[in-house]
Amino acid sequence: MATKDTFGDERLKKDAGADIRGPRDAADSARNTDGGALTPEERRRLLRQEWVTEVLPKPPEIPGFHVCWLSTTNSTDPIYKRIQRGYLPVKTTETPVFGTQYAVQGGEFDGCVACNEMLLFKLPMQIYQDLMTIYHHDMPLEQEQAIRERVSSNQQEDSSGRSLMQVEGDFNRLGREPTRNPTFI
């Protein structure tokens, strides 16, 4: 059933089907308010998967060692520096799971495990724990302490000795040893 044509154009007639379907507002309100077709949980899952690259095979666990892939083309973190820190190349004889399909043929790393430009290395667990403590515990504390000292040295006082600057939040905890210790695996 169509309504009367008041504008003289058949295309502008209101269709009776719209009355049966209901207003479009109801359908629009069922969608996400941010304009997307995904729920926030779905979007987070997709974003998490988007940044995960699984081009390299998962390295096997070697007891007593941390195992990782290192790039032969990274000029800021070259292989020789890692070797100086105690990293050791993994030989194909140590990883029968990979067989010979990932073996380097000839050159400096002959017989080692490689995939594209990446080489598989291992690091004794004690050295790994020391590096993680230094880079992810000690150095951030030192940087926080430097920030704290820089802000403290810039504080000005009024004539009665009160600070003109008020720092809120956890600023006073910067550069101080946390109450918890780093967890070692």
N, C-alpha and C. Protein backbone atom coordinates (compact mmCIF):
# COMPACT_ATOMS: atom_id res chain seq x y z
N MET A 1 0.84 -1.17 0.00
CA MET A 1 0.00 0.00 0.00
C MET A 1 0.89 1.23 0.00
N ALA A 2 0.73 2.08 -0.95
CA ALA A 2 1.53 3.28 -1.10
C ALA A 2 0.71 4.50 -0.72
N THR A 3 1.42 5.54 -0.30
CA THR A 3 0.73 6.78 0.05
C THR A 3 0.55 7.63 -1.21
N LYS A 4 -0.23 8.65 -1.04
CA LYS A 4 -0.54 9.54 -2.15
C LYS A 4 0.71 10.30 -2.59
N ASP A 5 0.90 10.43 -3.89
CA ASP A 5 2.03 11.14 -4.47
C ASP A 5 1.75 12.63 -4.40
N THR A 6 2.42 13.31 -3.44
CA THR A 6 2.19 14.74 -3.26
C THR A 6 3.20 15.58 -4.03
N PHE A 7 4.28 14.97 -4.49
CA PHE A 7 5.32 15.73 -5.16
C PHE A 7 5.34 15.51 -6.67
N GLY A 8 4.50 14.64 -7.19
CA GLY A 8 4.44 14.40 -8.61
C GLY A 8 5.52 13.48 -9.11
N ASP A 9 6.18 12.76 -8.24
CA ASP A 9 7.23 11.86 -8.68
C ASP A 9 6.99 10.50 -8.04
N GLU A 10 6.87 9.49 -8.86
CA GLU A 10 6.59 8.14 -8.36
C GLU A 10 7.70 7.62 -7.45
N ARG A 11 8.91 8.07 -7.67
CA ARG A 11 10.04 7.57 -6.87
C ARG A 11 9.99 8.04 -5.43
N LEU A 12 9.23 9.08 -5.15
CA LEU A 12 9.17 9.63 -3.80
C LEU A 12 8.04 9.07 -2.96
N LYS A 13 7.34 8.12 -3.51
CA LYS A 13 6.25 7.52 -2.75
C LYS A 13 6.80 6.70 -1.59
N LYS A 14 6.12 6.78 -0.48
CA LYS A 14 6.52 6.02 0.70
C LYS A 14 6.05 4.59 0.52
N ASP A 15 6.96 3.66 0.74
CA ASP A 15 6.65 2.25 0.59
C ASP A 15 5.98 1.74 1.87
N ALA A 16 5.00 0.89 1.71
CA ALA A 16 4.29 0.32 2.87
C ALA A 16 5.19 -0.63 3.64
N GLY A 17 6.23 -1.15 3.01
CA GLY A 17 7.15 -2.07 3.68
C GLY A 17 7.87 -1.41 4.84
N ALA A 18 8.10 -0.11 4.78
CA ALA A 18 8.79 0.60 5.86
C ALA A 18 7.96 0.55 7.14
N ASP A 19 6.64 0.58 7.01
CA ASP A 19 5.79 0.49 8.19
C ASP A 19 5.90 -0.88 8.85
N ILE A 20 6.07 -1.89 8.04
CA ILE A 20 6.18 -3.26 8.57
C ILE A 20 7.54 -3.46 9.25
N ARG A 21 8.61 -2.95 8.61
CA ARG A 21 9.97 -3.13 9.14
C ARG A 21 10.21 -2.32 10.40
N GLY A 22 9.58 -1.21 10.55
CA GLY A 22 9.82 -0.35 11.70
C GLY A 22 10.78 0.76 11.32
N PRO A 23 10.99 1.69 12.20
CA PRO A 23 11.85 2.83 11.89
C PRO A 23 13.33 2.43 11.81
N ARG A 24 14.09 3.15 11.04
CA ARG A 24 15.52 2.88 10.88
C ARG A 24 16.29 3.20 12.16
N ASP A 25 15.74 4.07 12.98
CA ASP A 25 16.44 4.44 14.22
C ASP A 25 16.70 3.23 15.10
N ALA A 26 15.78 2.29 15.12
CA ALA A 26 15.94 1.10 15.95
C ALA A 26 17.12 0.27 15.46
N ALA A 27 17.25 0.14 14.14
CA ALA A 27 18.37 -0.62 13.59
C ALA A 27 19.68 0.10 13.83
N ASP A 28 19.68 1.42 13.70
CA ASP A 28 20.91 2.18 13.91
C ASP A 28 21.37 2.13 15.36
N SER A 29 20.45 2.11 16.30
CA SER A 29 20.83 2.09 17.71
C SER A 29 21.44 0.75 18.10
N ALA A 30 21.15 -0.31 17.34
CA ALA A 30 21.72 -1.61 17.65
C ALA A 30 23.20 -1.67 17.26
N ARG A 31 23.62 -0.79 16.37
CA ARG A 31 25.03 -0.75 15.98
C ARG A 31 25.86 -0.09 17.07
N ASN A 32 27.18 -0.23 16.95
CA ASN A 32 28.09 0.42 17.90
C ASN A 32 27.98 1.93 17.75
N THR A 33 28.14 2.62 18.85
CA THR A 33 28.02 4.07 18.83
C THR A 33 29.23 4.73 18.20
N ASP A 34 30.37 4.01 18.11
CA ASP A 34 31.56 4.64 17.53
C ASP A 34 31.61 4.50 16.01
N GLY A 35 30.55 3.96 15.41
CA GLY A 35 30.48 3.89 13.96
C GLY A 35 31.07 2.62 13.38
N GLY A 36 31.69 1.81 14.20
CA GLY A 36 32.29 0.58 13.69
C GLY A 36 31.31 -0.57 13.71
N ALA A 37 31.66 -1.61 13.00
CA ALA A 37 30.81 -2.78 12.96
C ALA A 37 31.25 -3.83 13.97
N LEU A 38 32.37 -3.59 14.67
CA LEU A 38 32.90 -4.55 15.62
C LEU A 38 32.65 -4.09 17.05
N THR A 39 32.51 -5.04 17.93
CA THR A 39 32.43 -4.71 19.34
C THR A 39 33.84 -4.33 19.80
N PRO A 40 33.95 -3.61 20.92
CA PRO A 40 35.30 -3.25 21.40
C PRO A 40 36.19 -4.48 21.65
N GLU A 41 35.60 -5.56 22.13
CA GLU A 41 36.38 -6.78 22.39
C GLU A 41 36.90 -7.36 21.08
N GLU A 42 36.05 -7.39 20.05
CA GLU A 42 36.46 -7.91 18.74
C GLU A 42 37.56 -7.03 18.14
N ARG A 43 37.42 -5.74 18.29
CA ARG A 43 38.41 -4.82 17.75
C ARG A 43 39.75 -5.02 18.44
N ARG A 44 39.76 -5.17 19.78
CA ARG A 44 41.01 -5.39 20.50
C ARG A 44 41.67 -6.70 20.07
N ARG A 45 40.86 -7.73 19.87
CA ARG A 45 41.40 -9.02 19.44
C ARG A 45 42.05 -8.89 18.06
N LEU A 46 41.37 -8.21 17.14
CA LEU A 46 41.92 -8.03 15.80
C LEU A 46 43.18 -7.17 15.82
N LEU A 47 43.20 -6.12 16.63
CA LEU A 47 44.39 -5.28 16.72
C LEU A 47 45.56 -6.06 17.30
N ARG A 48 45.28 -6.89 18.29
CA ARG A 48 46.34 -7.70 18.89
C ARG A 48 46.92 -8.66 17.84
N GLN A 49 46.06 -9.28 17.05
CA GLN A 49 46.52 -10.21 16.03
C GLN A 49 47.26 -9.49 14.91
N GLU A 50 46.85 -8.26 14.62
CA GLU A 50 47.47 -7.50 13.53
C GLU A 50 48.94 -7.24 13.80
N TRP A 51 49.32 -7.02 15.05
CA TRP A 51 50.70 -6.70 15.38
C TRP A 51 51.53 -7.92 15.72
N VAL A 52 50.93 -9.10 15.71
CA VAL A 52 51.67 -10.32 15.99
C VAL A 52 52.11 -10.91 14.66
N THR A 53 53.40 -11.00 14.49
CA THR A 53 53.91 -11.60 13.27
C THR A 53 54.54 -12.94 13.63
N GLU A 54 54.08 -13.95 13.00
CA GLU A 54 54.59 -15.28 13.26
C GLU A 54 55.23 -15.83 11.99
N VAL A 55 56.20 -15.08 11.49
CA VAL A 55 56.89 -15.48 10.29
C VAL A 55 57.96 -16.51 10.62
N LEU A 56 58.54 -16.37 11.79
CA LEU A 56 59.61 -17.27 12.23
C LEU A 56 59.02 -18.47 12.97
N PRO A 57 59.63 -19.63 12.79
CA PRO A 57 59.15 -20.78 13.57
C PRO A 57 59.46 -20.60 15.04
N LYS A 58 58.61 -21.17 15.88
CA LYS A 58 58.82 -21.07 17.34
C LYS A 58 60.05 -21.89 17.71
N PRO A 59 61.02 -21.24 18.33
CA PRO A 59 62.24 -21.97 18.68
C PRO A 59 61.99 -22.97 19.80
N PRO A 60 62.68 -24.09 19.75
CA PRO A 60 62.50 -25.08 20.82
C PRO A 60 63.14 -24.58 22.11
N GLU A 61 62.64 -25.06 23.22
CA GLU A 61 63.23 -24.69 24.50
C GLU A 61 64.49 -25.51 24.72
N ILE A 62 65.53 -24.84 25.18
CA ILE A 62 66.78 -25.51 25.52
C ILE A 62 66.98 -25.29 27.01
N PRO A 63 66.94 -26.35 27.81
CA PRO A 63 67.05 -26.19 29.27
C PRO A 63 68.30 -25.40 29.67
N GLY A 64 68.08 -24.41 30.56
CA GLY A 64 69.17 -23.60 31.06
C GLY A 64 69.54 -22.42 30.17
N PHE A 65 68.78 -22.23 29.07
CA PHE A 65 69.08 -21.15 28.14
C PHE A 65 67.82 -20.39 27.76
N HIS A 66 68.01 -19.11 27.46
CA HIS A 66 66.97 -18.30 26.82
C HIS A 66 67.28 -18.36 25.33
N VAL A 67 66.27 -18.66 24.50
CA VAL A 67 66.48 -18.82 23.07
C VAL A 67 65.72 -17.71 22.34
N CYS A 68 66.38 -17.10 21.33
CA CYS A 68 65.74 -16.03 20.57
C CYS A 68 66.33 -15.94 19.17
N TRP A 69 65.56 -15.31 18.29
CA TRP A 69 66.02 -15.05 16.92
C TRP A 69 66.70 -13.69 16.90
N LEU A 70 67.86 -13.60 16.25
CA LEU A 70 68.59 -12.35 16.10
C LEU A 70 68.76 -12.03 14.62
N SER A 71 68.65 -10.76 14.30
CA SER A 71 68.76 -10.32 12.91
C SER A 71 70.21 -10.11 12.51
N THR A 72 70.54 -10.56 11.32
CA THR A 72 71.89 -10.34 10.78
C THR A 72 71.97 -9.00 10.06
N THR A 73 70.84 -8.31 9.89
CA THR A 73 70.83 -7.06 9.14
C THR A 73 70.60 -5.83 10.02
N ASN A 74 70.48 -6.01 11.32
CA ASN A 74 70.22 -4.89 12.22
C ASN A 74 71.54 -4.20 12.55
N SER A 75 71.72 -2.97 12.04
CA SER A 75 72.98 -2.26 12.26
C SER A 75 73.08 -1.68 13.67
N THR A 76 71.97 -1.46 14.35
CA THR A 76 72.02 -0.91 15.71
C THR A 76 72.22 -1.99 16.77
N ASP A 77 71.96 -3.22 16.42
CA ASP A 77 72.14 -4.33 17.35
C ASP A 77 72.78 -5.50 16.58
N PRO A 78 74.05 -5.36 16.21
CA PRO A 78 74.68 -6.40 15.40
C PRO A 78 74.96 -7.68 16.18
N ILE A 79 75.09 -8.75 15.44
CA ILE A 79 75.33 -10.08 16.03
C ILE A 79 76.60 -10.09 16.88
N TYR A 80 77.66 -9.44 16.42
CA TYR A 80 78.92 -9.51 17.17
C TYR A 80 78.78 -8.93 18.58
N LYS A 81 77.91 -7.91 18.75
CA LYS A 81 77.69 -7.36 20.09
C LYS A 81 76.97 -8.37 20.98
N ARG A 82 76.03 -9.09 20.39
CA ARG A 82 75.33 -10.11 21.17
C ARG A 82 76.30 -11.23 21.57
N ILE A 83 77.19 -11.60 20.67
CA ILE A 83 78.16 -12.64 20.99
C ILE A 83 79.08 -12.17 22.12
N GLN A 84 79.44 -10.87 22.12
CA GLN A 84 80.26 -10.32 23.21
C GLN A 84 79.53 -10.40 24.54
N ARG A 85 78.21 -10.31 24.53
CA ARG A 85 77.42 -10.38 25.76
C ARG A 85 77.20 -11.81 26.24
N GLY A 86 77.57 -12.78 25.43
CA GLY A 86 77.43 -14.17 25.86
C GLY A 86 76.46 -15.01 25.05
N TYR A 87 75.85 -14.44 24.03
CA TYR A 87 74.94 -15.21 23.18
C TYR A 87 75.74 -16.23 22.37
N LEU A 88 75.15 -17.40 22.17
CA LEU A 88 75.80 -18.47 21.42
C LEU A 88 74.88 -18.92 20.29
N PRO A 89 75.43 -19.13 19.09
CA PRO A 89 74.57 -19.61 18.00
C PRO A 89 74.11 -21.04 18.27
N VAL A 90 72.88 -21.34 17.89
CA VAL A 90 72.33 -22.68 18.08
C VAL A 90 72.63 -23.50 16.84
N LYS A 91 73.24 -24.65 17.03
CA LYS A 91 73.57 -25.57 15.94
C LYS A 91 72.37 -26.45 15.63
N THR A 92 72.29 -26.90 14.41
CA THR A 92 71.17 -27.77 14.02
C THR A 92 71.21 -29.09 14.77
N THR A 93 72.38 -29.49 15.24
CA THR A 93 72.48 -30.73 16.01
C THR A 93 71.79 -30.62 17.37
N GLU A 94 71.63 -29.37 17.87
CA GLU A 94 70.96 -29.13 19.15
C GLU A 94 69.45 -29.09 19.02
N THR A 95 68.96 -28.92 17.81
CA THR A 95 67.51 -28.78 17.58
C THR A 95 67.05 -29.77 16.51
N PRO A 96 66.93 -31.02 16.86
CA PRO A 96 66.49 -31.99 15.85
C PRO A 96 65.08 -31.72 15.33
N VAL A 97 64.31 -30.92 16.05
CA VAL A 97 62.95 -30.56 15.61
C VAL A 97 63.01 -29.83 14.28
N PHE A 98 64.00 -28.96 14.11
CA PHE A 98 64.13 -28.20 12.86
C PHE A 98 64.78 -29.02 11.75
N GLY A 99 65.51 -30.06 12.12
CA GLY A 99 66.19 -30.84 11.10
C GLY A 99 67.21 -30.00 10.36
N THR A 100 67.36 -30.26 9.07
CA THR A 100 68.34 -29.51 8.28
C THR A 100 67.68 -28.44 7.42
N GLN A 101 66.35 -28.31 7.49
CA GLN A 101 65.67 -27.33 6.64
C GLN A 101 66.04 -25.90 6.98
N TYR A 102 66.48 -25.64 8.22
CA TYR A 102 66.87 -24.29 8.63
C TYR A 102 68.38 -24.17 8.82
N ALA A 103 69.16 -25.08 8.27
CA ALA A 103 70.60 -25.08 8.47
C ALA A 103 71.29 -24.09 7.53
N VAL A 104 72.26 -23.37 8.08
CA VAL A 104 73.09 -22.48 7.27
C VAL A 104 74.14 -23.35 6.58
N GLN A 105 74.30 -23.15 5.29
CA GLN A 105 75.28 -23.91 4.51
C GLN A 105 76.47 -23.01 4.21
N GLY A 106 77.58 -23.20 4.91
CA GLY A 106 78.79 -22.43 4.65
C GLY A 106 78.80 -21.11 5.38
N GLY A 107 79.94 -20.44 5.33
CA GLY A 107 80.07 -19.13 5.95
C GLY A 107 80.38 -19.19 7.43
N GLU A 108 80.29 -18.04 8.05
CA GLU A 108 80.64 -17.90 9.46
C GLU A 108 79.75 -18.73 10.38
N PHE A 109 78.49 -18.89 10.01
CA PHE A 109 77.53 -19.61 10.86
C PHE A 109 77.14 -20.96 10.26
N ASP A 110 78.08 -21.62 9.64
CA ASP A 110 77.84 -22.93 9.02
C ASP A 110 77.32 -23.92 10.05
N GLY A 111 76.21 -24.57 9.74
CA GLY A 111 75.63 -25.56 10.64
C GLY A 111 74.71 -24.98 11.70
N CYS A 112 74.54 -23.67 11.69
CA CYS A 112 73.65 -23.02 12.67
C CYS A 112 72.23 -22.95 12.12
N VAL A 113 71.28 -22.70 13.02
CA VAL A 113 69.87 -22.59 12.65
C VAL A 113 69.59 -21.17 12.18
N ALA A 114 68.96 -21.05 10.99
CA ALA A 114 68.63 -19.73 10.45
C ALA A 114 67.30 -19.82 9.70
N CYS A 115 66.63 -18.67 9.63
CA CYS A 115 65.41 -18.55 8.84
C CYS A 115 65.44 -17.15 8.24
N ASN A 116 65.52 -17.09 6.92
CA ASN A 116 65.71 -15.83 6.20
C ASN A 116 66.98 -15.17 6.73
N GLU A 117 66.91 -13.91 7.19
CA GLU A 117 68.11 -13.24 7.68
C GLU A 117 68.26 -13.39 9.19
N MET A 118 67.46 -14.21 9.81
CA MET A 118 67.49 -14.37 11.27
C MET A 118 68.27 -15.63 11.65
N LEU A 119 69.05 -15.50 12.72
CA LEU A 119 69.79 -16.63 13.27
C LEU A 119 69.27 -16.95 14.66
N LEU A 120 69.22 -18.23 15.00
CA LEU A 120 68.78 -18.65 16.32
C LEU A 120 69.97 -18.65 17.27
N PHE A 121 69.82 -17.93 18.39
CA PHE A 121 70.87 -17.87 19.40
C PHE A 121 70.31 -18.27 20.75
N LYS A 122 71.23 -18.67 21.62
CA LYS A 122 70.85 -19.00 23.00
C LYS A 122 71.74 -18.22 23.94
N LEU A 123 71.23 -17.96 25.13
CA LEU A 123 71.94 -17.22 26.15
C LEU A 123 71.76 -17.95 27.47
N PRO A 124 72.86 -18.22 28.18
CA PRO A 124 72.69 -18.88 29.49
C PRO A 124 71.71 -18.10 30.37
N MET A 125 70.86 -18.80 31.06
CA MET A 125 69.77 -18.19 31.82
C MET A 125 70.26 -17.18 32.85
N GLN A 126 71.40 -17.41 33.49
CA GLN A 126 71.91 -16.46 34.48
C GLN A 126 72.26 -15.12 33.83
N ILE A 127 72.89 -15.17 32.66
CA ILE A 127 73.23 -13.93 31.94
C ILE A 127 71.94 -13.25 31.49
N TYR A 128 70.98 -14.03 31.03
CA TYR A 128 69.69 -13.47 30.60
C TYR A 128 69.01 -12.73 31.76
N GLN A 129 68.99 -13.35 32.94
CA GLN A 129 68.38 -12.72 34.11
C GLN A 129 69.13 -11.44 34.49
N ASP A 130 70.45 -11.48 34.40
CA ASP A 130 71.24 -10.27 34.69
C ASP A 130 70.90 -9.16 33.70
N LEU A 131 70.83 -9.46 32.41
CA LEU A 131 70.50 -8.45 31.40
C LEU A 131 69.11 -7.88 31.62
N MET A 132 68.14 -8.74 31.92
CA MET A 132 66.78 -8.27 32.14
C MET A 132 66.71 -7.37 33.38
N THR A 133 67.46 -7.72 34.43
CA THR A 133 67.48 -6.88 35.63
C THR A 133 68.09 -5.52 35.33
N ILE A 134 69.19 -5.52 34.58
CA ILE A 134 69.85 -4.26 34.25
C ILE A 134 68.96 -3.39 33.37
N TYR A 135 68.46 -3.95 32.27
CA TYR A 135 67.73 -3.16 31.27
C TYR A 135 66.29 -2.83 31.66
N HIS A 136 65.68 -3.68 32.46
CA HIS A 136 64.25 -3.47 32.75
C HIS A 136 63.96 -3.17 34.22
N HIS A 137 65.00 -3.09 35.04
CA HIS A 137 64.80 -2.74 36.45
C HIS A 137 65.75 -1.61 36.86
N ASP A 138 67.05 -1.86 36.77
CA ASP A 138 68.02 -0.89 37.23
C ASP A 138 68.03 0.39 36.39
N MET A 139 68.10 0.26 35.08
CA MET A 139 68.18 1.44 34.21
C MET A 139 66.92 2.31 34.29
N PRO A 140 65.71 1.73 34.29
CA PRO A 140 64.53 2.59 34.47
C PRO A 140 64.54 3.33 35.81
N LEU A 141 65.02 2.69 36.88
CA LEU A 141 65.11 3.38 38.17
C LEU A 141 66.08 4.55 38.10
N GLU A 142 67.21 4.36 37.41
CA GLU A 142 68.18 5.43 37.26
C GLU A 142 67.59 6.59 36.46
N GLN A 143 66.83 6.28 35.41
CA GLN A 143 66.20 7.32 34.61
C GLN A 143 65.15 8.07 35.42
N GLU A 144 64.38 7.35 36.21
CA GLU A 144 63.39 8.00 37.08
C GLU A 144 64.08 8.92 38.08
N GLN A 145 65.19 8.46 38.65
CA GLN A 145 65.92 9.27 39.62
C GLN A 145 66.42 10.56 38.96
N ALA A 146 66.90 10.46 37.73
CA ALA A 146 67.39 11.65 37.01
C ALA A 146 66.24 12.63 36.76
N ILE A 147 65.08 12.14 36.43
CA ILE A 147 63.90 12.99 36.22
C ILE A 147 63.54 13.67 37.54
N ARG A 148 63.52 12.90 38.60
CA ARG A 148 63.16 13.42 39.92
C ARG A 148 64.13 14.53 40.34
N GLU A 149 65.42 14.30 40.14
CA GLU A 149 66.42 15.30 40.52
C GLU A 149 66.29 16.55 39.67
N ARG A 150 66.02 16.38 38.37
CA ARG A 150 65.89 17.53 37.48
C ARG A 150 64.69 18.39 37.88
N VAL A 151 63.56 17.76 38.19
CA VAL A 151 62.37 18.51 38.61
C VAL A 151 62.62 19.17 39.96
N SER A 152 63.23 18.45 40.88
CA SER A 152 63.51 19.01 42.22
C SER A 152 64.44 20.22 42.13
N SER A 153 65.43 20.16 41.23
CA SER A 153 66.36 21.28 41.12
C SER A 153 65.70 22.51 40.49
N ASN A 154 64.61 22.33 39.77
CA ASN A 154 63.91 23.44 39.13
C ASN A 154 62.81 24.04 40.00
N GLN A 155 62.58 23.46 41.16
CA GLN A 155 61.53 23.98 42.03
C GLN A 155 61.96 25.31 42.62
N GLN A 156 61.06 26.26 42.60
CA GLN A 156 61.32 27.57 43.18
C GLN A 156 60.50 27.72 44.46
N GLU A 157 61.01 28.55 45.33
CA GLU A 157 60.33 28.75 46.61
C GLU A 157 59.92 30.21 46.75
N ASP A 158 58.87 30.43 47.52
CA ASP A 158 58.45 31.81 47.80
C ASP A 158 59.30 32.36 48.96
N SER A 159 59.02 33.57 49.39
CA SER A 159 59.83 34.23 50.42
C SER A 159 59.80 33.50 51.76
N SER A 160 58.75 32.70 51.99
CA SER A 160 58.68 31.97 53.26
C SER A 160 59.26 30.56 53.15
N GLY A 161 59.79 30.20 51.99
CA GLY A 161 60.43 28.90 51.85
C GLY A 161 59.52 27.79 51.35
N ARG A 162 58.28 28.12 51.04
CA ARG A 162 57.36 27.10 50.52
C ARG A 162 57.56 26.95 49.02
N SER A 163 57.42 25.75 48.54
CA SER A 163 57.60 25.47 47.12
C SER A 163 56.47 26.09 46.32
N LEU A 164 56.82 26.70 45.19
CA LEU A 164 55.82 27.29 44.31
C LEU A 164 55.23 26.26 43.35
N MET A 165 55.82 25.08 43.33
CA MET A 165 55.36 24.04 42.42
C MET A 165 54.87 22.85 43.24
N GLN A 166 53.74 22.35 42.84
CA GLN A 166 53.21 21.17 43.52
C GLN A 166 53.13 20.04 42.50
N VAL A 167 53.79 18.94 42.80
CA VAL A 167 53.79 17.78 41.92
C VAL A 167 52.87 16.75 42.54
N GLU A 168 51.94 16.27 41.73
CA GLU A 168 50.95 15.32 42.25
C GLU A 168 51.25 13.91 41.76
N GLY A 169 50.48 13.00 42.24
CA GLY A 169 50.60 11.61 41.80
C GLY A 169 51.75 10.90 42.49
N ASP A 170 52.36 9.99 41.75
CA ASP A 170 53.42 9.16 42.30
C ASP A 170 54.81 9.73 42.06
N PHE A 171 54.92 11.03 41.86
CA PHE A 171 56.21 11.65 41.57
C PHE A 171 57.24 11.34 42.66
N ASN A 172 56.84 11.37 43.90
CA ASN A 172 57.79 11.14 44.99
C ASN A 172 58.34 9.73 45.01
N ARG A 173 57.71 8.84 44.29
CA ARG A 173 58.21 7.47 44.24
C ARG A 173 59.18 7.25 43.08
N LEU A 174 59.32 8.24 42.17
CA LEU A 174 60.23 8.09 41.04
C LEU A 174 61.66 7.89 41.53
N GLY A 175 62.35 6.95 40.92
CA GLY A 175 63.74 6.73 41.23
C GLY A 175 64.00 6.06 42.55
N ARG A 176 62.97 5.60 43.20
CA ARG A 176 63.13 4.89 44.48
C ARG A 176 62.86 3.42 44.24
N GLU A 177 63.55 2.62 44.97
CA GLU A 177 63.39 1.18 44.85
C GLU A 177 61.94 0.79 45.13
N PRO A 178 61.30 0.04 44.23
CA PRO A 178 59.92 -0.35 44.49
C PRO A 178 59.86 -1.32 45.67
N THR A 179 58.68 -1.45 46.23
CA THR A 179 58.52 -2.35 47.38
C THR A 179 58.59 -3.82 46.96
N ARG A 180 58.41 -4.06 45.68
CA ARG A 180 58.50 -5.44 45.21
C ARG A 180 59.81 -5.62 44.45
N ASN A 181 60.28 -6.83 44.38
CA ASN A 181 61.51 -7.15 43.65
C ASN A 181 61.14 -7.73 42.29
N PRO A 182 62.04 -7.62 41.30
CA PRO A 182 61.72 -8.20 40.00
C PRO A 182 61.57 -9.72 40.11
N THR A 183 60.65 -10.24 39.33
CA THR A 183 60.39 -11.68 39.36
C THR A 183 61.27 -12.38 38.34
N PHE A 184 61.96 -13.39 38.78
CA PHE A 184 62.80 -14.17 37.88
C PHE A 184 62.09 -15.46 37.55
N ILE A 185 62.19 -15.82 36.31
CA ILE A 185 61.53 -17.05 35.86
C ILE A 185 62.50 -18.20 35.91
